[in-house]
Structure formats: structure tokens, C-alpha cells
Amino acid sequence: MKFGDHLERESVPEWSLHNLDYNSIKHEIKMHTTRDQATAMAIPGQKDEALSRFEDGLYMELDRQHERLQLFVSSKADEISRRLEYLAKNIDRWASKN
């Protein structure tokens, strides 16, 4: 099974908007790294400026997506912590009554 399909299948449907945009990133990488025969190749030892620009842009996109995912995970972790605190207080309250 392909990773993109696996990621989609295993994702929580309500959280799917917060997933890494794997298929889009994969498509961009393929588009910029797979050369057809009509495309000029860089001379060995010389810097490929177009590829360097793509790599810089890819890094920035991955960084943006990482930040977005981190924010989502952090908010979910905070939500879970608040729920656990609420439950712990209720358990303590219930235990003190008995």
C-alpha cells in the first residue's frame, strides 16, 4: 500500500484538514526532480539554480506544514489535559463524599 493511501486511511476523519499535505508535496518533488529528455541537465560540479530554488521553497513549505501540525497537536494535547484535570477533580469530589 502506498504511504499517501495509508495516511489517508488511518487518519481521524474529523482531523483530516490538519494532516500533512503528503500527496501535494510528493507531486511537487516528482515534478521538480524527474527530468524528461527535453530538459537541459546541469553540468556536473555546477550548481542547478532552479533545483536550489525548489529545495528552498520545499523546505519553507515543509516548515509551514510542520508548524501547522505542531499547533494542532499542541491544542489537542491541551484539550486532553483540561479534560483529565476536570475528571480528576470530579473523582476527588466523588471520593470525598463517600
PDB file of N, CA and C in Angstrom:
ATOM      1  N   MET A   1       0.845  -1.176   0.000  1.00  0.00           N
ATOM      2  CA  MET A   1       0.000   0.000   0.000  1.00  0.00           C
ATOM      3  C   MET A   1       0.889   1.237   0.000  1.00  0.00           C
ATOM      4  N   LYS A   2       0.498   2.211  -0.773  1.00  0.00           N
ATOM      5  CA  LYS A   2       1.259   3.452  -0.854  1.00  0.00           C
ATOM      6  C   LYS A   2       1.067   4.267   0.426  1.00  0.00           C
ATOM      7  N   PHE A   3       2.099   5.027   0.789  1.00  0.00           N
ATOM      8  CA  PHE A   3       2.061   5.775   2.041  1.00  0.00           C
ATOM      9  C   PHE A   3       0.925   6.789   2.064  1.00  0.00           C
ATOM     10  N   GLY A   4       0.699   7.516   0.961  1.00  0.00           N
ATOM     11  CA  GLY A   4      -0.380   8.507   0.916  1.00  0.00           C
ATOM     12  C   GLY A   4      -1.732   7.878   1.177  1.00  0.00           C
ATOM     13  N   ASP A   5      -1.970   6.714   0.600  1.00  0.00           N
ATOM     14  CA  ASP A   5      -3.227   5.994   0.830  1.00  0.00           C
ATOM     15  C   ASP A   5      -3.321   5.535   2.282  1.00  0.00           C
ATOM     16  N   HIS A   6      -2.202   5.041   2.809  1.00  0.00           N
ATOM     17  CA  HIS A   6      -2.163   4.587   4.204  1.00  0.00           C
ATOM     18  C   HIS A   6      -2.448   5.759   5.150  1.00  0.00           C
ATOM     19  N   LEU A   7      -1.825   6.896   4.900  1.00  0.00           N
ATOM     20  CA  LEU A   7      -2.027   8.083   5.728  1.00  0.00           C
ATOM     21  C   LEU A   7      -3.494   8.491   5.720  1.00  0.00           C
ATOM     22  N   GLU A   8      -4.091   8.523   4.545  1.00  0.00           N
ATOM     23  CA  GLU A   8      -5.498   8.911   4.423  1.00  0.00           C
ATOM     24  C   GLU A   8      -6.408   7.901   5.131  1.00  0.00           C
ATOM     25  N   ARG A   9      -6.126   6.628   4.961  1.00  0.00           N
ATOM     26  CA  ARG A   9      -6.962   5.580   5.556  1.00  0.00           C
ATOM     27  C   ARG A   9      -6.883   5.581   7.082  1.00  0.00           C
ATOM     28  N   GLU A  10      -5.709   5.862   7.623  1.00  0.00           N
ATOM     29  CA  GLU A  10      -5.509   5.808   9.071  1.00  0.00           C
ATOM     30  C   GLU A  10      -5.858   7.114   9.782  1.00  0.00           C
ATOM     31  N   SER A  11      -6.144   8.164   9.039  1.00  0.00           N
ATOM     32  CA  SER A  11      -6.419   9.467   9.642  1.00  0.00           C
ATOM     33  C   SER A  11      -7.782   9.505  10.318  1.00  0.00           C
ATOM     34  N   VAL A  12      -7.869  10.294  11.364  1.00  0.00           N
ATOM     35  CA  VAL A  12      -9.154  10.556  12.007  1.00  0.00           C
ATOM     36  C   VAL A  12      -9.914  11.499  11.079  1.00  0.00           C
ATOM     37  N   PRO A  13     -11.090  11.103  10.598  1.00  0.00           N
ATOM     38  CA  PRO A  13     -11.805  11.929   9.607  1.00  0.00           C
ATOM     39  C   PRO A  13     -11.995  13.387  10.034  1.00  0.00           C
ATOM     40  N   GLU A  14     -12.315  13.610  11.308  1.00  0.00           N
ATOM     41  CA  GLU A  14     -12.541  14.986  11.780  1.00  0.00           C
ATOM     42  C   GLU A  14     -11.254  15.813  11.783  1.00  0.00           C
ATOM     43  N   TRP A  15     -10.127  15.153  11.741  1.00  0.00           N
ATOM     44  CA  TRP A  15      -8.845  15.849  11.805  1.00  0.00           C
ATOM     45  C   TRP A  15      -8.154  15.920  10.450  1.00  0.00           C
ATOM     46  N   SER A  16      -8.791  15.438   9.408  1.00  0.00           N
ATOM     47  CA  SER A  16      -8.129  15.317   8.101  1.00  0.00           C
ATOM     48  C   SER A  16      -7.632  16.654   7.542  1.00  0.00           C
ATOM     49  N   LEU A  17      -8.299  17.752   7.900  1.00  0.00           N
ATOM     50  CA  LEU A  17      -7.828  19.062   7.428  1.00  0.00           C
ATOM     51  C   LEU A  17      -6.471  19.427   8.022  1.00  0.00           C
ATOM     52  N   HIS A  18      -6.105  18.764   9.090  1.00  0.00           N
ATOM     53  CA  HIS A  18      -4.852  19.080   9.780  1.00  0.00           C
ATOM     54  C   HIS A  18      -3.713  18.145   9.390  1.00  0.00           C
ATOM     55  N   ASN A  19      -3.967  17.229   8.465  1.00  0.00           N
ATOM     56  CA  ASN A  19      -2.924  16.297   8.022  1.00  0.00           C
ATOM     57  C   ASN A  19      -1.865  17.007   7.187  1.00  0.00           C
ATOM     58  N   LEU A  20      -0.706  16.401   7.131  1.00  0.00           N
ATOM     59  CA  LEU A  20       0.329  16.810   6.197  1.00  0.00           C
ATOM     60  C   LEU A  20      -0.224  16.649   4.785  1.00  0.00           C
ATOM     61  N   ASP A  21       0.010  17.617   3.928  1.00  0.00           N
ATOM     62  CA  ASP A  21      -0.475  17.531   2.545  1.00  0.00           C
ATOM     63  C   ASP A  21       0.514  16.685   1.745  1.00  0.00           C
ATOM     64  N   TYR A  22       0.549  15.409   2.070  1.00  0.00           N
ATOM     65  CA  TYR A  22       1.542  14.485   1.525  1.00  0.00           C
ATOM     66  C   TYR A  22       1.492  14.390   0.006  1.00  0.00           C
ATOM     67  N   ASN A  23       0.303  14.200  -0.549  1.00  0.00           N
ATOM     68  CA  ASN A  23       0.196  14.000  -1.997  1.00  0.00           C
ATOM     69  C   ASN A  23       0.658  15.225  -2.777  1.00  0.00           C
ATOM     70  N   SER A  24       0.340  16.410  -2.286  1.00  0.00           N
ATOM     71  CA  SER A  24       0.772  17.635  -2.960  1.00  0.00           C
ATOM     72  C   SER A  24       2.295  17.780  -2.906  1.00  0.00           C
ATOM     73  N   ILE A  25       2.869  17.521  -1.751  1.00  0.00           N
ATOM     74  CA  ILE A  25       4.327  17.616  -1.607  1.00  0.00           C
ATOM     75  C   ILE A  25       5.013  16.577  -2.491  1.00  0.00           C
ATOM     76  N   LYS A  26       4.492  15.359  -2.491  1.00  0.00           N
ATOM     77  CA  LYS A  26       5.064  14.299  -3.321  1.00  0.00           C
ATOM     78  C   LYS A  26       5.012  14.692  -4.796  1.00  0.00           C
ATOM     79  N   HIS A  27       3.884  15.258  -5.224  1.00  0.00           N
ATOM     80  CA  HIS A  27       3.731  15.686  -6.615  1.00  0.00           C
ATOM     81  C   HIS A  27       4.769  16.758  -6.965  1.00  0.00           C
ATOM     82  N   GLU A  28       4.945  17.743  -6.091  1.00  0.00           N
ATOM     83  CA  GLU A  28       5.921  18.814  -6.341  1.00  0.00           C
ATOM     84  C   GLU A  28       7.340  18.252  -6.425  1.00  0.00           C
ATOM     85  N   ILE A  29       7.677  17.342  -5.545  1.00  0.00           N
ATOM     86  CA  ILE A  29       9.016  16.744  -5.573  1.00  0.00           C
ATOM     87  C   ILE A  29       9.230  15.996  -6.881  1.00  0.00           C
ATOM     88  N   LYS A  30       8.257  15.195  -7.275  1.00  0.00           N
ATOM     89  CA  LYS A  30       8.377  14.450  -8.535  1.00  0.00           C
ATOM     90  C   LYS A  30       8.518  15.396  -9.715  1.00  0.00           C
ATOM     91  N   MET A  31       7.705  16.457  -9.719  1.00  0.00           N
ATOM     92  CA  MET A  31       7.718  17.404 -10.829  1.00  0.00           C
ATOM     93  C   MET A  31       9.085  18.083 -10.974  1.00  0.00           C
ATOM     94  N   HIS A  32       9.729  18.367  -9.861  1.00  0.00           N
ATOM     95  CA  HIS A  32      10.986  19.110  -9.904  1.00  0.00           C
ATOM     96  C   HIS A  32      12.234  18.231  -9.922  1.00  0.00           C
ATOM     97  N   THR A  33      12.083  16.955  -9.707  1.00  0.00           N
ATOM     98  CA  THR A  33      13.268  16.100  -9.682  1.00  0.00           C
ATOM     99  C   THR A  33      13.289  15.057 -10.788  1.00  0.00           C
ATOM    100  N   THR A  34      12.183  14.870 -11.479  1.00  0.00           N
ATOM    101  CA  THR A  34      12.134  13.930 -12.593  1.00  0.00           C
ATOM    102  C   THR A  34      12.284  14.730 -13.874  1.00  0.00           C
ATOM    103  N   ARG A  35      13.350  14.487 -14.578  1.00  0.00           N
ATOM    104  CA  ARG A  35      13.609  15.254 -15.799  1.00  0.00           C
ATOM    105  C   ARG A  35      13.236  14.428 -17.017  1.00  0.00           C
ATOM    106  N   ASP A  36      12.583  15.104 -17.948  1.00  0.00           N
ATOM    107  CA  ASP A  36      12.324  14.419 -19.217  1.00  0.00           C
ATOM    108  C   ASP A  36      13.517  14.669 -20.138  1.00  0.00           C
ATOM    109  N   GLN A  37      13.556  14.013 -21.253  1.00  0.00           N
ATOM    110  CA  GLN A  37      14.709  14.105 -22.145  1.00  0.00           C
ATOM    111  C   GLN A  37      14.868  15.488 -22.763  1.00  0.00           C
ATOM    112  N   ALA A  38      13.814  16.270 -22.826  1.00  0.00           N
ATOM    113  CA  ALA A  38      13.895  17.597 -23.438  1.00  0.00           C
ATOM    114  C   ALA A  38      14.448  18.647 -22.476  1.00  0.00           C
ATOM    115  N   THR A  39      14.567  18.312 -21.208  1.00  0.00           N
ATOM    116  CA  THR A  39      15.041  19.265 -20.215  1.00  0.00           C
ATOM    117  C   THR A  39      16.562  19.260 -20.165  1.00  0.00           C
ATOM    118  N   ALA A  40      17.129  20.448 -20.121  1.00  0.00           N
ATOM    119  CA  ALA A  40      18.584  20.555 -20.022  1.00  0.00           C
ATOM    120  C   ALA A  40      19.031  20.089 -18.645  1.00  0.00           C
ATOM    121  N   MET A  41      20.142  19.411 -18.621  1.00  0.00           N
ATOM    122  CA  MET A  41      20.680  18.931 -17.350  1.00  0.00           C
ATOM    123  C   MET A  41      21.780  19.876 -16.884  1.00  0.00           C
ATOM    124  N   ALA A  42      21.940  19.956 -15.573  1.00  0.00           N
ATOM    125  CA  ALA A  42      23.011  20.776 -15.020  1.00  0.00           C
ATOM    126  C   ALA A  42      24.349  20.108 -15.311  1.00  0.00           C
ATOM    127  N   ILE A  43      25.358  20.915 -15.489  1.00  0.00           N
ATOM    128  CA  ILE A  43      26.706  20.401 -15.706  1.00  0.00           C
ATOM    129  C   ILE A  43      27.227  19.897 -14.367  1.00  0.00           C
ATOM    130  N   PRO A  44      27.765  18.684 -14.335  1.00  0.00           N
ATOM    131  CA  PRO A  44      28.292  18.163 -13.069  1.00  0.00           C
ATOM    132  C   PRO A  44      29.291  19.145 -12.459  1.00  0.00           C
ATOM    133  N   GLY A  45      29.153  19.379 -11.167  1.00  0.00           N
ATOM    134  CA  GLY A  45      30.031  20.310 -10.470  1.00  0.00           C
ATOM    135  C   GLY A  45      29.501  21.733 -10.471  1.00  0.00           C
ATOM    136  N   GLN A  46      28.501  22.019 -11.289  1.00  0.00           N
ATOM    137  CA  GLN A  46      27.886  23.343 -11.332  1.00  0.00           C
ATOM    138  C   GLN A  46      26.566  23.299 -10.565  1.00  0.00           C
ATOM    139  N   LYS A  47      26.227  24.408  -9.949  1.00  0.00           N
ATOM    140  CA  LYS A  47      25.003  24.474  -9.168  1.00  0.00           C
ATOM    141  C   LYS A  47      23.794  24.601 -10.092  1.00  0.00           C
ATOM    142  N   ASP A  48      22.753  23.827  -9.823  1.00  0.00           N
ATOM    143  CA  ASP A  48      21.491  23.901 -10.563  1.00  0.00           C
ATOM    144  C   ASP A  48      20.606  24.908  -9.822  1.00  0.00           C
ATOM    145  N   GLU A  49      20.538  26.137 -10.338  1.00  0.00           N
ATOM    146  CA  GLU A  49      19.813  27.219  -9.661  1.00  0.00           C
ATOM    147  C   GLU A  49      18.332  26.904  -9.487  1.00  0.00           C
ATOM    148  N   ALA A  50      17.703  26.339 -10.511  1.00  0.00           N
ATOM    149  CA  ALA A  50      16.271  26.025 -10.418  1.00  0.00           C
ATOM    150  C   ALA A  50      16.028  24.991  -9.315  1.00  0.00           C
ATOM    151  N   LEU A  51      16.895  23.997  -9.245  1.00  0.00           N
ATOM    152  CA  LEU A  51      16.745  22.973  -8.215  1.00  0.00           C
ATOM    153  C   LEU A  51      16.988  23.569  -6.830  1.00  0.00           C
ATOM    154  N   SER A  52      17.948  24.463  -6.721  1.00  0.00           N
ATOM    155  CA  SER A  52      18.218  25.116  -5.432  1.00  0.00           C
ATOM    156  C   SER A  52      17.022  25.938  -4.969  1.00  0.00           C
ATOM    157  N   ARG A  53      16.396  26.671  -5.905  1.00  0.00           N
ATOM    158  CA  ARG A  53      15.203  27.454  -5.557  1.00  0.00           C
ATOM    159  C   ARG A  53      14.073  26.526  -5.109  1.00  0.00           C
ATOM    160  N   PHE A  54      13.913  25.419  -5.831  1.00  0.00           N
ATOM    161  CA  PHE A  54      12.881  24.457  -5.459  1.00  0.00           C
ATOM    162  C   PHE A  54      13.147  23.896  -4.065  1.00  0.00           C
ATOM    163  N   GLU A  55      14.385  23.521  -3.789  1.00  0.00           N
ATOM    164  CA  GLU A  55      14.722  22.964  -2.474  1.00  0.00           C
ATOM    165  C   GLU A  55      14.434  23.971  -1.365  1.00  0.00           C
ATOM    166  N   ASP A  56      14.773  25.244  -1.603  1.00  0.00           N
ATOM    167  CA  ASP A  56      14.491  26.281  -0.607  1.00  0.00           C
ATOM    168  C   ASP A  56      12.986  26.418  -0.381  1.00  0.00           C
ATOM    169  N   GLY A  57      12.220  26.431  -1.468  1.00  0.00           N
ATOM    170  CA  GLY A  57      10.764  26.532  -1.363  1.00  0.00           C
ATOM    171  C   GLY A  57      10.162  25.317  -0.681  1.00  0.00           C
ATOM    172  N   LEU A  58      10.689  24.142  -0.996  1.00  0.00           N
ATOM    173  CA  LEU A  58      10.202  22.909  -0.375  1.00  0.00           C
ATOM    174  C   LEU A  58      10.470  22.939   1.128  1.00  0.00           C
ATOM    175  N   TYR A  59      11.652  23.379   1.499  1.00  0.00           N
ATOM    176  CA  TYR A  59      11.980  23.474   2.920  1.00  0.00           C
ATOM    177  C   TYR A  59      11.000  24.408   3.631  1.00  0.00           C
ATOM    178  N   MET A  60      10.727  25.566   3.030  1.00  0.00           N
ATOM    179  CA  MET A  60       9.800  26.519   3.647  1.00  0.00           C
ATOM    180  C   MET A  60       8.400  25.919   3.766  1.00  0.00           C
ATOM    181  N   GLU A  61       7.948  25.200   2.726  1.00  0.00           N
ATOM    182  CA  GLU A  61       6.620  24.572   2.768  1.00  0.00           C
ATOM    183  C   GLU A  61       6.560  23.491   3.843  1.00  0.00           C
ATOM    184  N   LEU A  62       7.593  22.671   3.925  1.00  0.00           N
ATOM    185  CA  LEU A  62       7.621  21.641   4.968  1.00  0.00           C
ATOM    186  C   LEU A  62       7.640  22.273   6.359  1.00  0.00           C
ATOM    187  N   ASP A  63       8.374  23.368   6.502  1.00  0.00           N
ATOM    188  CA  ASP A  63       8.425  24.069   7.780  1.00  0.00           C
ATOM    189  C   ASP A  63       7.052  24.634   8.142  1.00  0.00           C
ATOM    190  N   ARG A  64       6.350  25.225   7.159  1.00  0.00           N
ATOM    191  CA  ARG A  64       4.997  25.755   7.407  1.00  0.00           C
ATOM    192  C   ARG A  64       4.046  24.634   7.831  1.00  0.00           C
ATOM    193  N   GLN A  65       4.105  23.523   7.118  1.00  0.00           N
ATOM    194  CA  GLN A  65       3.212  22.416   7.449  1.00  0.00           C
ATOM    195  C   GLN A  65       3.549  21.836   8.828  1.00  0.00           C
ATOM    196  N   HIS A  66       4.834  21.772   9.145  1.00  0.00           N
ATOM    197  CA  HIS A  66       5.238  21.290  10.469  1.00  0.00           C
ATOM    198  C   HIS A  66       4.689  22.206  11.559  1.00  0.00           C
ATOM    199  N   GLU A  67       4.807  23.507  11.370  1.00  0.00           N
ATOM    200  CA  GLU A  67       4.289  24.467  12.350  1.00  0.00           C
ATOM    201  C   GLU A  67       2.778  24.300  12.526  1.00  0.00           C
ATOM    202  N   ARG A  68       2.070  24.136  11.410  1.00  0.00           N
ATOM    203  CA  ARG A  68       0.612  23.966  11.445  1.00  0.00           C
ATOM    204  C   ARG A  68       0.251  22.686  12.199  1.00  0.00           C
ATOM    205  N   LEU A  69       0.964  21.601  11.909  1.00  0.00           N
ATOM    206  CA  LEU A  69       0.712  20.337  12.597  1.00  0.00           C
ATOM    207  C   LEU A  69       1.049  20.436  14.083  1.00  0.00           C
ATOM    208  N   GLN A  70       2.144  21.100  14.384  1.00  0.00           N
ATOM    209  CA  GLN A  70       2.549  21.261  15.786  1.00  0.00           C
ATOM    210  C   GLN A  70       1.494  22.040  16.563  1.00  0.00           C
ATOM    211  N   LEU A  71       0.954  23.090  15.962  1.00  0.00           N
ATOM    212  CA  LEU A  71      -0.084  23.883  16.613  1.00  0.00           C
ATOM    213  C   LEU A  71      -1.320  23.023  16.886  1.00  0.00           C
ATOM    214  N   PHE A  72      -1.717  22.216  15.915  1.00  0.00           N
ATOM    215  CA  PHE A  72      -2.880  21.347  16.081  1.00  0.00           C
ATOM    216  C   PHE A  72      -2.641  20.318  17.182  1.00  0.00           C
ATOM    217  N   VAL A  73      -1.496  19.651  17.143  1.00  0.00           N
ATOM    218  CA  VAL A  73      -1.187  18.631  18.153  1.00  0.00           C
ATOM    219  C   VAL A  73      -1.126  19.264  19.540  1.00  0.00           C
ATOM    220  N   SER A  74      -0.530  20.434  19.631  1.00  0.00           N
ATOM    221  CA  SER A  74      -0.438  21.131  20.908  1.00  0.00           C
ATOM    222  C   SER A  74      -1.826  21.484  21.441  1.00  0.00           C
ATOM    223  N   SER A  75      -2.706  21.954  20.557  1.00  0.00           N
ATOM    224  CA  SER A  75      -4.060  22.306  21.007  1.00  0.00           C
ATOM    225  C   SER A  75      -4.819  21.065  21.468  1.00  0.00           C
ATOM    226  N   LYS A  76      -4.645  19.943  20.771  1.00  0.00           N
ATOM    227  CA  LYS A  76      -5.303  18.693  21.184  1.00  0.00           C
ATOM    228  C   LYS A  76      -4.734  18.205  22.517  1.00  0.00           C
ATOM    229  N   ALA A  77      -3.431  18.315  22.707  1.00  0.00           N
ATOM    230  CA  ALA A  77      -2.815  17.895  23.967  1.00  0.00           C
ATOM    231  C   ALA A  77      -3.337  18.753  25.119  1.00  0.00           C
ATOM    232  N   ASP A  78      -3.467  20.066  24.892  1.00  0.00           N
ATOM    233  CA  ASP A  78      -4.024  20.954  25.920  1.00  0.00           C
ATOM    234  C   ASP A  78      -5.470  20.581  26.237  1.00  0.00           C
ATOM    235  N   GLU A  79      -6.237  20.279  25.201  1.00  0.00           N
ATOM    236  CA  GLU A  79      -7.634  19.876  25.392  1.00  0.00           C
ATOM    237  C   GLU A  79      -7.717  18.602  26.238  1.00  0.00           C
ATOM    238  N   ILE A  80      -6.884  17.641  25.945  1.00  0.00           N
ATOM    239  CA  ILE A  80      -6.873  16.385  26.707  1.00  0.00           C
ATOM    240  C   ILE A  80      -6.457  16.644  28.155  1.00  0.00           C
ATOM    241  N   SER A  81      -5.465  17.504  28.356  1.00  0.00           N
ATOM    242  CA  SER A  81      -5.023  17.834  29.718  1.00  0.00           C
ATOM    243  C   SER A  81      -6.152  18.469  30.521  1.00  0.00           C
ATOM    244  N   ARG A  82      -6.877  19.401  29.899  1.00  0.00           N
ATOM    245  CA  ARG A  82      -8.002  20.042  30.589  1.00  0.00           C
ATOM    246  C   ARG A  82      -9.082  19.022  30.947  1.00  0.00           C
ATOM    247  N   ARG A  83      -9.367  18.097  30.046  1.00  0.00           N
ATOM    248  CA  ARG A  83     -10.376  17.064  30.322  1.00  0.00           C
ATOM    249  C   ARG A  83      -9.926  16.153  31.466  1.00  0.00           C
ATOM    250  N   LEU A  84      -8.647  15.792  31.465  1.00  0.00           N
ATOM    251  CA  LEU A  84      -8.131  14.937  32.535  1.00  0.00           C
ATOM    252  C   LEU A  84      -8.186  15.646  33.888  1.00  0.00           C
ATOM    253  N   GLU A  85      -7.856  16.936  33.910  1.00  0.00           N
ATOM    254  CA  GLU A  85      -7.940  17.705  35.154  1.00  0.00           C
ATOM    255  C   GLU A  85      -9.377  17.750  35.658  1.00  0.00           C
ATOM    256  N   TYR A  86     -10.309  17.972  34.748  1.00  0.00           N
ATOM    257  CA  TYR A  86     -11.727  18.015  35.099  1.00  0.00           C
ATOM    258  C   TYR A  86     -12.161  16.672  35.687  1.00  0.00           C
ATOM    259  N   LEU A  87     -11.777  15.583  35.042  1.00  0.00           N
ATOM    260  CA  LEU A  87     -12.140  14.252  35.537  1.00  0.00           C
ATOM    261  C   LEU A  87     -11.498  13.969  36.899  1.00  0.00           C
ATOM    262  N   ALA A  88     -10.244  14.365  37.062  1.00  0.00           N
ATOM    263  CA  ALA A  88      -9.555  14.147  38.340  1.00  0.00           C
ATOM    264  C   ALA A  88     -10.260  14.903  39.464  1.00  0.00           C
ATOM    265  N   LYS A  89     -10.682  16.135  39.189  1.00  0.00           N
ATOM    266  CA  LYS A  89     -11.407  16.916  40.201  1.00  0.00           C
ATOM    267  C   LYS A  89     -12.733  16.250  40.541  1.00  0.00           C
ATOM    268  N   ASN A  90     -13.428  15.755  39.536  1.00  0.00           N
ATOM    269  CA  ASN A  90     -14.704  15.077  39.789  1.00  0.00           C
ATOM    270  C   ASN A  90     -14.507  13.797  40.592  1.00  0.00           C
ATOM    271  N   ILE A  91     -13.452  13.057  40.298  1.00  0.00           N
ATOM    272  CA  ILE A  91     -13.164  11.832  41.052  1.00  0.00           C
ATOM    273  C   ILE A  91     -12.848  12.176  42.503  1.00  0.00           C
ATOM    274  N   ASP A  92     -12.031  13.222  42.708  1.00  0.00           N
ATOM    275  CA  ASP A  92     -11.691  13.645  44.070  1.00  0.00           C
ATOM    276  C   ASP A  92     -12.947  14.074  44.824  1.00  0.00           C
ATOM    277  N   ARG A  93     -13.798  14.824  44.158  1.00  0.00           N
ATOM    278  CA  ARG A  93     -15.039  15.292  44.767  1.00  0.00           C
ATOM    279  C   ARG A  93     -15.929  14.099  45.130  1.00  0.00           C
ATOM    280  N   TRP A  94     -16.033  13.153  44.226  1.00  0.00           N
ATOM    281  CA  TRP A  94     -16.851  11.964  44.466  1.00  0.00           C
ATOM    282  C   TRP A  94     -16.266  11.129  45.614  1.00  0.00           C
ATOM    283  N   ALA A  95     -14.943  10.982  45.611  1.00  0.00           N
ATOM    284  CA  ALA A  95     -14.282  10.184  46.649  1.00  0.00           C
ATOM    285  C   ALA A  95     -14.440  10.828  48.027  1.00  0.00           C
ATOM    286  N   SER A  96     -14.411  12.153  48.092  1.00  0.00           N
ATOM    287  CA  SER A  96     -14.534  12.829  49.385  1.00  0.00           C
ATOM    288  C   SER A  96     -15.957  12.737  49.937  1.00  0.00           C
ATOM    289  N   LYS A  97     -16.941  12.537  49.084  1.00  0.00           N
ATOM    290  CA  LYS A  97     -18.332  12.393  49.531  1.00  0.00           C
ATOM    291  C   LYS A  97     -18.582  11.009  50.105  1.00  0.00           C
ATOM    292  N   ASN A  98     -17.809  10.041  49.688  1.00  0.00           N
ATOM    293  CA  ASN A  98     -18.026   8.653  50.140  1.00  0.00           C
ATOM    294  C   ASN A  98     -17.115   8.294  51.237  1.00  0.00           C
TER     295      ASN A  98
END
